[in-house]
Amino acid sequence: MYCDIGDGIMTRILVDADACPVKEIIVKVAKEYSFPVTMFIDTSHILNDGYSEVITVEKSRDSVDFALVNKIIQGDIVVTQDYGVATMALAKGAKVVNQNGLIYTDENIEKLLFERHLSSKVRKSGGRAKGPRKRTKEDDEKFERAFRIILSQ
């Protein structure tokens, strides 16, 4: 299912939905814009929002990520918090946003990957990195603003 946004470009929204806290916002806004949504989950989750196509894959390391990346085509909009998925989506010509409203670009993804690498090295050497802070209403509002921007581009 695709949405024709002109110039022969067909767009859909693909969501790394396992731990995505903004699924309801995605569906609400997608309905307003008449964009189709596909949510990717593993077998440890159940999802039926009445709007999205749901693709369920076996539970294994990165199974949802691989299934999502394999479906991406140029012009898609991807929602993920995973930098690796974001990198591959950008390489395929998709627009990518995370659950906090950060729009990934070719300009910022390398820095984000490098920071992730440094954090991994700290953890492997026995250091501790701060975990994510509690999600707020402002986080949801920031995501919705960025999501609307990316849908209207």
Foldseek 3Di string as FASTA:
>chain_A
DFDDPDPRATEAEEEQPAPQPQPVLVQVVCVVVVHAYEYEEEPVDDDDPPGHHYDYHHDDPCPSLVVRLVPAAAAYEYEDPDLVSVVSNVVRHYWYAYLQLDTDDPVCSVVVVVVVVVQVVCVVVPHDDDDDDDDDPVSNVNNSVSVVVRVVD
